[in-house]
Amino acid sequence: MWTVIYIAKNKAQADKLKNLLCTEGILANTRQAGVASVVGDGLYEILVLESEADEAHAILCQHAIK
């Protein structure tokens, strides 16, 4: 089952985070959350398998520290 681990502010950020997770061996996906706004392309959810959620979240936290 897929679970949301992060909500990105736009598609570019979502794609960057998805690629980071995939590089680390985590199967990840993105999907638009809600409707696109007038000023941007809207929010995007980062999803991973529920069994990999803790590891994926840790990877995102480590990346934010660097």
PDB file of N, CA and C in Angstrom:
ATOM      1  N   MET A   1       0.837  -1.170   0.000  1.00  0.00           N
ATOM      2  CA  MET A   1       0.000   0.000   0.000  1.00  0.00           C
ATOM      3  C   MET A   1       0.893   1.249   0.000  1.00  0.00           C
ATOM      4  N   TRP A   2       0.517   2.250  -0.791  1.00  0.00           N
ATOM      5  CA  TRP A   2       1.257   3.501  -0.886  1.00  0.00           C
ATOM      6  C   TRP A   2       0.864   4.424   0.256  1.00  0.00           C
ATOM      7  N   THR A   3       1.853   5.171   0.762  1.00  0.00           N
ATOM      8  CA  THR A   3       1.595   6.136   1.824  1.00  0.00           C
ATOM      9  C   THR A   3       2.334   7.434   1.530  1.00  0.00           C
ATOM     10  N   VAL A   4       1.710   8.549   1.883  1.00  0.00           N
ATOM     11  CA  VAL A   4       2.308   9.865   1.662  1.00  0.00           C
ATOM     12  C   VAL A   4       3.320  10.135   2.768  1.00  0.00           C
ATOM     13  N   ILE A   5       4.538  10.526   2.366  1.00  0.00           N
ATOM     14  CA  ILE A   5       5.554  10.849   3.368  1.00  0.00           C
ATOM     15  C   ILE A   5       5.952  12.320   3.341  1.00  0.00           C
ATOM     16  N   TYR A   6       5.560  13.034   2.280  1.00  0.00           N
ATOM     17  CA  TYR A   6       5.946  14.440   2.170  1.00  0.00           C
ATOM     18  C   TYR A   6       5.040  15.117   1.148  1.00  0.00           C
ATOM     19  N   ILE A   7       4.799  16.399   1.333  1.00  0.00           N
ATOM     20  CA  ILE A   7       4.053  17.184   0.359  1.00  0.00           C
ATOM     21  C   ILE A   7       4.979  18.279  -0.149  1.00  0.00           C
ATOM     22  N   ALA A   8       5.287  18.211  -1.433  1.00  0.00           N
ATOM     23  CA  ALA A   8       6.197  19.166  -2.069  1.00  0.00           C
ATOM     24  C   ALA A   8       5.413  20.387  -2.541  1.00  0.00           C
ATOM     25  N   LYS A   9       6.112  21.514  -2.608  1.00  0.00           N
ATOM     26  CA  LYS A   9       5.447  22.771  -2.967  1.00  0.00           C
ATOM     27  C   LYS A   9       5.205  22.928  -4.464  1.00  0.00           C
ATOM     28  N   ASN A  10       5.879  22.110  -5.286  1.00  0.00           N
ATOM     29  CA  ASN A  10       5.658  22.161  -6.736  1.00  0.00           C
ATOM     30  C   ASN A  10       6.176  20.878  -7.375  1.00  0.00           C
ATOM     31  N   LYS A  11       5.917  20.725  -8.676  1.00  0.00           N
ATOM     32  CA  LYS A  11       6.307  19.497  -9.378  1.00  0.00           C
ATOM     33  C   LYS A  11       7.818  19.334  -9.448  1.00  0.00           C
ATOM     34  N   ALA A  12       8.542  20.420  -9.620  1.00  0.00           N
ATOM     35  CA  ALA A  12      10.004  20.336  -9.697  1.00  0.00           C
ATOM     36  C   ALA A  12      10.585  19.765  -8.404  1.00  0.00           C
ATOM     37  N   GLN A  13      10.113  20.255  -7.267  1.00  0.00           N
ATOM     38  CA  GLN A  13      10.597  19.746  -5.990  1.00  0.00           C
ATOM     39  C   GLN A  13      10.185  18.284  -5.810  1.00  0.00           C
ATOM     40  N   ALA A  14       8.965  17.955  -6.201  1.00  0.00           N
ATOM     41  CA  ALA A  14       8.484  16.576  -6.083  1.00  0.00           C
ATOM     42  C   ALA A  14       9.349  15.622  -6.911  1.00  0.00           C
ATOM     43  N   ASP A  15       9.650  16.030  -8.135  1.00  0.00           N
ATOM     44  CA  ASP A  15      10.488  15.186  -8.997  1.00  0.00           C
ATOM     45  C   ASP A  15      11.892  15.025  -8.429  1.00  0.00           C
ATOM     46  N   LYS A  16      12.438  16.096  -7.866  1.00  0.00           N
ATOM     47  CA  LYS A  16      13.776  16.038  -7.265  1.00  0.00           C
ATOM     48  C   LYS A  16      13.798  15.052  -6.094  1.00  0.00           C
ATOM     49  N   LEU A  17      12.782  15.118  -5.239  1.00  0.00           N
ATOM     50  CA  LEU A  17      12.726  14.222  -4.084  1.00  0.00           C
ATOM     51  C   LEU A  17      12.465  12.781  -4.513  1.00  0.00           C
ATOM     52  N   LYS A  18      11.620  12.605  -5.511  1.00  0.00           N
ATOM     53  CA  LYS A  18      11.370  11.252  -6.027  1.00  0.00           C
ATOM     54  C   LYS A  18      12.663  10.646  -6.559  1.00  0.00           C
ATOM     55  N   ASN A  19      13.421  11.422  -7.320  1.00  0.00           N
ATOM     56  CA  ASN A  19      14.691  10.930  -7.867  1.00  0.00           C
ATOM     57  C   ASN A  19      15.687  10.607  -6.763  1.00  0.00           C
ATOM     58  N   LEU A  20      15.728  11.429  -5.722  1.00  0.00           N
ATOM     59  CA  LEU A  20      16.604  11.161  -4.582  1.00  0.00           C
ATOM     60  C   LEU A  20      16.262   9.812  -3.953  1.00  0.00           C
ATOM     61  N   LEU A  21      14.972   9.587  -3.698  1.00  0.00           N
ATOM     62  CA  LEU A  21      14.551   8.330  -3.083  1.00  0.00           C
ATOM     63  C   LEU A  21      14.845   7.143  -3.988  1.00  0.00           C
ATOM     64  N   CYS A  22      14.589   7.303  -5.278  1.00  0.00           N
ATOM     65  CA  CYS A  22      14.861   6.205  -6.218  1.00  0.00           C
ATOM     66  C   CYS A  22      16.351   5.881  -6.277  1.00  0.00           C
ATOM     67  N   THR A  23      17.196   6.914  -6.204  1.00  0.00           N
ATOM     68  CA  THR A  23      18.646   6.716  -6.189  1.00  0.00           C
ATOM     69  C   THR A  23      19.074   5.917  -4.957  1.00  0.00           C
ATOM     70  N   GLU A  24      18.359   6.113  -3.865  1.00  0.00           N
ATOM     71  CA  GLU A  24      18.656   5.402  -2.617  1.00  0.00           C
ATOM     72  C   GLU A  24      17.987   4.027  -2.552  1.00  0.00           C
ATOM     73  N   GLY A  25      17.309   3.622  -3.632  1.00  0.00           N
ATOM     74  CA  GLY A  25      16.708   2.294  -3.687  1.00  0.00           C
ATOM     75  C   GLY A  25      15.290   2.213  -3.153  1.00  0.00           C
ATOM     76  N   ILE A  26      14.633   3.355  -2.994  1.00  0.00           N
ATOM     77  CA  ILE A  26      13.258   3.378  -2.496  1.00  0.00           C
ATOM     78  C   ILE A  26      12.320   3.596  -3.685  1.00  0.00           C
ATOM     79  N   LEU A  27      11.340   2.742  -3.833  1.00  0.00           N
ATOM     80  CA  LEU A  27      10.333   2.905  -4.868  1.00  0.00           C
ATOM     81  C   LEU A  27       9.434   4.070  -4.469  1.00  0.00           C
ATOM     82  N   ALA A  28       9.395   5.117  -5.299  1.00  0.00           N
ATOM     83  CA  ALA A  28       8.640   6.325  -4.969  1.00  0.00           C
ATOM     84  C   ALA A  28       7.771   6.750  -6.143  1.00  0.00           C
ATOM     85  N   ASN A  29       6.724   7.489  -5.816  1.00  0.00           N
ATOM     86  CA  ASN A  29       5.815   7.995  -6.826  1.00  0.00           C
ATOM     87  C   ASN A  29       5.360   9.382  -6.401  1.00  0.00           C
ATOM     88  N   THR A  30       4.807  10.154  -7.330  1.00  0.00           N
ATOM     89  CA  THR A  30       4.258  11.472  -7.012  1.00  0.00           C
ATOM     90  C   THR A  30       2.855  11.570  -7.577  1.00  0.00           C
ATOM     91  N   ARG A  31       2.053  12.431  -6.950  1.00  0.00           N
ATOM     92  CA  ARG A  31       0.736  12.744  -7.500  1.00  0.00           C
ATOM     93  C   ARG A  31       0.342  14.126  -7.028  1.00  0.00           C
ATOM     94  N   GLN A  32      -0.420  14.805  -7.866  1.00  0.00           N
ATOM     95  CA  GLN A  32      -0.849  16.159  -7.535  1.00  0.00           C
ATOM     96  C   GLN A  32      -1.861  16.092  -6.404  1.00  0.00           C
ATOM     97  N   ALA A  33      -1.708  17.011  -5.460  1.00  0.00           N
ATOM     98  CA  ALA A  33      -2.613  17.096  -4.322  1.00  0.00           C
ATOM     99  C   ALA A  33      -3.508  18.305  -4.505  1.00  0.00           C
ATOM    100  N   GLY A  34      -4.758  18.077  -4.787  1.00  0.00           N
ATOM    101  CA  GLY A  34      -5.679  19.187  -4.983  1.00  0.00           C
ATOM    102  C   GLY A  34      -5.572  19.758  -6.381  1.00  0.00           C
ATOM    103  N   VAL A  35      -5.927  21.032  -6.486  1.00  0.00           N
ATOM    104  CA  VAL A  35      -5.988  21.724  -7.774  1.00  0.00           C
ATOM    105  C   VAL A  35      -4.799  22.657  -7.904  1.00  0.00           C
ATOM    106  N   ALA A  36      -4.281  22.776  -9.106  1.00  0.00           N
ATOM    107  CA  ALA A  36      -3.164  23.692  -9.365  1.00  0.00           C
ATOM    108  C   ALA A  36      -3.616  25.124  -9.096  1.00  0.00           C
ATOM    109  N   SER A  37      -2.732  25.907  -8.540  1.00  0.00           N
ATOM    110  CA  SER A  37      -3.059  27.303  -8.246  1.00  0.00           C
ATOM    111  C   SER A  37      -2.741  28.189  -9.448  1.00  0.00           C
ATOM    112  N   VAL A  38      -3.174  29.420  -9.373  1.00  0.00           N
ATOM    113  CA  VAL A  38      -2.938  30.376 -10.451  1.00  0.00           C
ATOM    114  C   VAL A  38      -1.456  30.737 -10.548  1.00  0.00           C
ATOM    115  N   VAL A  39      -0.763  30.806  -9.414  1.00  0.00           N
ATOM    116  CA  VAL A  39       0.632  31.249  -9.388  1.00  0.00           C
ATOM    117  C   VAL A  39       1.645  30.114  -9.522  1.00  0.00           C
ATOM    118  N   GLY A  40       1.218  28.883  -9.491  1.00  0.00           N
ATOM    119  CA  GLY A  40       2.162  27.778  -9.583  1.00  0.00           C
ATOM    120  C   GLY A  40       1.473  26.516 -10.044  1.00  0.00           C
ATOM    121  N   ASP A  41       2.206  25.420  -9.996  1.00  0.00           N
ATOM    122  CA  ASP A  41       1.617  24.169 -10.459  1.00  0.00           C
ATOM    123  C   ASP A  41       1.017  23.346  -9.329  1.00  0.00           C
ATOM    124  N   GLY A  42       0.928  23.902  -8.131  1.00  0.00           N
ATOM    125  CA  GLY A  42       0.253  23.234  -7.027  1.00  0.00           C
ATOM    126  C   GLY A  42       1.137  22.323  -6.213  1.00  0.00           C
ATOM    127  N   LEU A  43       0.527  21.711  -5.209  1.00  0.00           N
ATOM    128  CA  LEU A  43       1.232  20.816  -4.302  1.00  0.00           C
ATOM    129  C   LEU A  43       1.253  19.401  -4.863  1.00  0.00           C
ATOM    130  N   TYR A  44       2.318  18.665  -4.522  1.00  0.00           N
ATOM    131  CA  TYR A  44       2.462  17.281  -4.956  1.00  0.00           C
ATOM    132  C   TYR A  44       2.819  16.403  -3.774  1.00  0.00           C
ATOM    133  N   GLU A  45       2.170  15.250  -3.698  1.00  0.00           N
ATOM    134  CA  GLU A  45       2.466  14.276  -2.643  1.00  0.00           C
ATOM    135  C   GLU A  45       3.582  13.348  -3.112  1.00  0.00           C
ATOM    136  N   ILE A  46       4.474  13.035  -2.190  1.00  0.00           N
ATOM    137  CA  ILE A  46       5.508  12.032  -2.422  1.00  0.00           C
ATOM    138  C   ILE A  46       5.022  10.766  -1.720  1.00  0.00           C
ATOM    139  N   LEU A  47       4.892   9.692  -2.472  1.00  0.00           N
ATOM    140  CA  LEU A  47       4.384   8.437  -1.933  1.00  0.00           C
ATOM    141  C   LEU A  47       5.434   7.339  -2.032  1.00  0.00           C
ATOM    142  N   VAL A  48       5.466   6.487  -1.020  1.00  0.00           N
ATOM    143  CA  VAL A  48       6.324   5.305  -1.026  1.00  0.00           C
ATOM    144  C   VAL A  48       5.515   4.140  -0.473  1.00  0.00           C
ATOM    145  N   LEU A  49       6.043   2.955  -0.644  1.00  0.00           N
ATOM    146  CA  LEU A  49       5.388   1.795  -0.055  1.00  0.00           C
ATOM    147  C   LEU A  49       5.408   1.929   1.473  1.00  0.00           C
ATOM    148  N   GLU A  50       4.331   1.520   2.082  1.00  0.00           N
ATOM    149  CA  GLU A  50       4.207   1.653   3.533  1.00  0.00           C
ATOM    150  C   GLU A  50       5.380   0.992   4.270  1.00  0.00           C
ATOM    151  N   SER A  51       5.861  -0.119   3.745  1.00  0.00           N
ATOM    152  CA  SER A  51       6.963  -0.841   4.382  1.00  0.00           C
ATOM    153  C   SER A  51       8.287  -0.075   4.311  1.00  0.00           C
ATOM    154  N   GLU A  52       8.393   0.918   3.411  1.00  0.00           N
ATOM    155  CA  GLU A  52       9.621   1.693   3.259  1.00  0.00           C
ATOM    156  C   GLU A  52       9.479   3.133   3.756  1.00  0.00           C
ATOM    157  N   ALA A  53       8.346   3.458   4.363  1.00  0.00           N
ATOM    158  CA  ALA A  53       8.059   4.838   4.757  1.00  0.00           C
ATOM    159  C   ALA A  53       9.075   5.384   5.759  1.00  0.00           C
ATOM    160  N   ASP A  54       9.422   4.621   6.775  1.00  0.00           N
ATOM    161  CA  ASP A  54      10.372   5.098   7.785  1.00  0.00           C
ATOM    162  C   ASP A  54      11.740   5.371   7.172  1.00  0.00           C
ATOM    163  N   GLU A  55      12.212   4.455   6.347  1.00  0.00           N
ATOM    164  CA  GLU A  55      13.510   4.626   5.699  1.00  0.00           C
ATOM    165  C   GLU A  55      13.496   5.828   4.752  1.00  0.00           C
ATOM    166  N   ALA A  56      12.416   5.979   3.988  1.00  0.00           N
ATOM    167  CA  ALA A  56      12.304   7.099   3.051  1.00  0.00           C
ATOM    168  C   ALA A  56      12.278   8.434   3.793  1.00  0.00           C
ATOM    169  N   HIS A  57      11.547   8.484   4.886  1.00  0.00           N
ATOM    170  CA  HIS A  57      11.485   9.714   5.679  1.00  0.00           C
ATOM    171  C   HIS A  57      12.862  10.051   6.237  1.00  0.00           C
ATOM    172  N   ALA A  58      13.597   9.051   6.699  1.00  0.00           N
ATOM    173  CA  ALA A  58      14.949   9.275   7.214  1.00  0.00           C
ATOM    174  C   ALA A  58      15.869   9.817   6.118  1.00  0.00           C
ATOM    175  N   ILE A  59      15.737   9.306   4.904  1.00  0.00           N
ATOM    176  CA  ILE A  59      16.553   9.792   3.783  1.00  0.00           C
ATOM    177  C   ILE A  59      16.250  11.252   3.509  1.00  0.00           C
ATOM    178  N   LEU A  60      14.977  11.614   3.493  1.00  0.00           N
ATOM    179  CA  LEU A  60      14.606  13.014   3.265  1.00  0.00           C
ATOM    180  C   LEU A  60      15.142  13.911   4.373  1.00  0.00           C
ATOM    181  N   CYS A  61      15.080  13.454   5.610  1.00  0.00           N
ATOM    182  CA  CYS A  61      15.619  14.238   6.731  1.00  0.00           C
ATOM    183  C   CYS A  61      17.123  14.391   6.617  1.00  0.00           C
ATOM    184  N   GLN A  62      17.843  13.354   6.259  1.00  0.00           N
ATOM    185  CA  GLN A  62      19.296  13.459   6.080  1.00  0.00           C
ATOM    186  C   GLN A  62      19.633  14.421   4.959  1.00  0.00           C
ATOM    187  N   HIS A  63      18.867  14.389   3.897  1.00  0.00           N
ATOM    188  CA  HIS A  63      19.120  15.272   2.756  1.00  0.00           C
ATOM    189  C   HIS A  63      18.880  16.736   3.147  1.00  0.00           C
ATOM    190  N   ALA A  64      17.897  16.986   3.989  1.00  0.00           N
ATOM    191  CA  ALA A  64      17.594  18.356   4.421  1.00  0.00           C
ATOM    192  C   ALA A  64      18.708  18.927   5.289  1.00  0.00           C
ATOM    193  N   ILE A  65      19.415  18.070   6.008  1.00  0.00           N
ATOM    194  CA  ILE A  65      20.493  18.510   6.906  1.00  0.00           C
ATOM    195  C   ILE A  65      21.728  18.910   6.104  1.00  0.00           C
ATOM    196  N   LYS A  66      21.977  18.273   4.982  1.00  0.00           N
ATOM    197  CA  LYS A  66      23.175  18.533   4.182  1.00  0.00           C
ATOM    198  C   LYS A  66      23.179  19.868   3.544  1.00  0.00           C
TER     199      LYS A  66
END
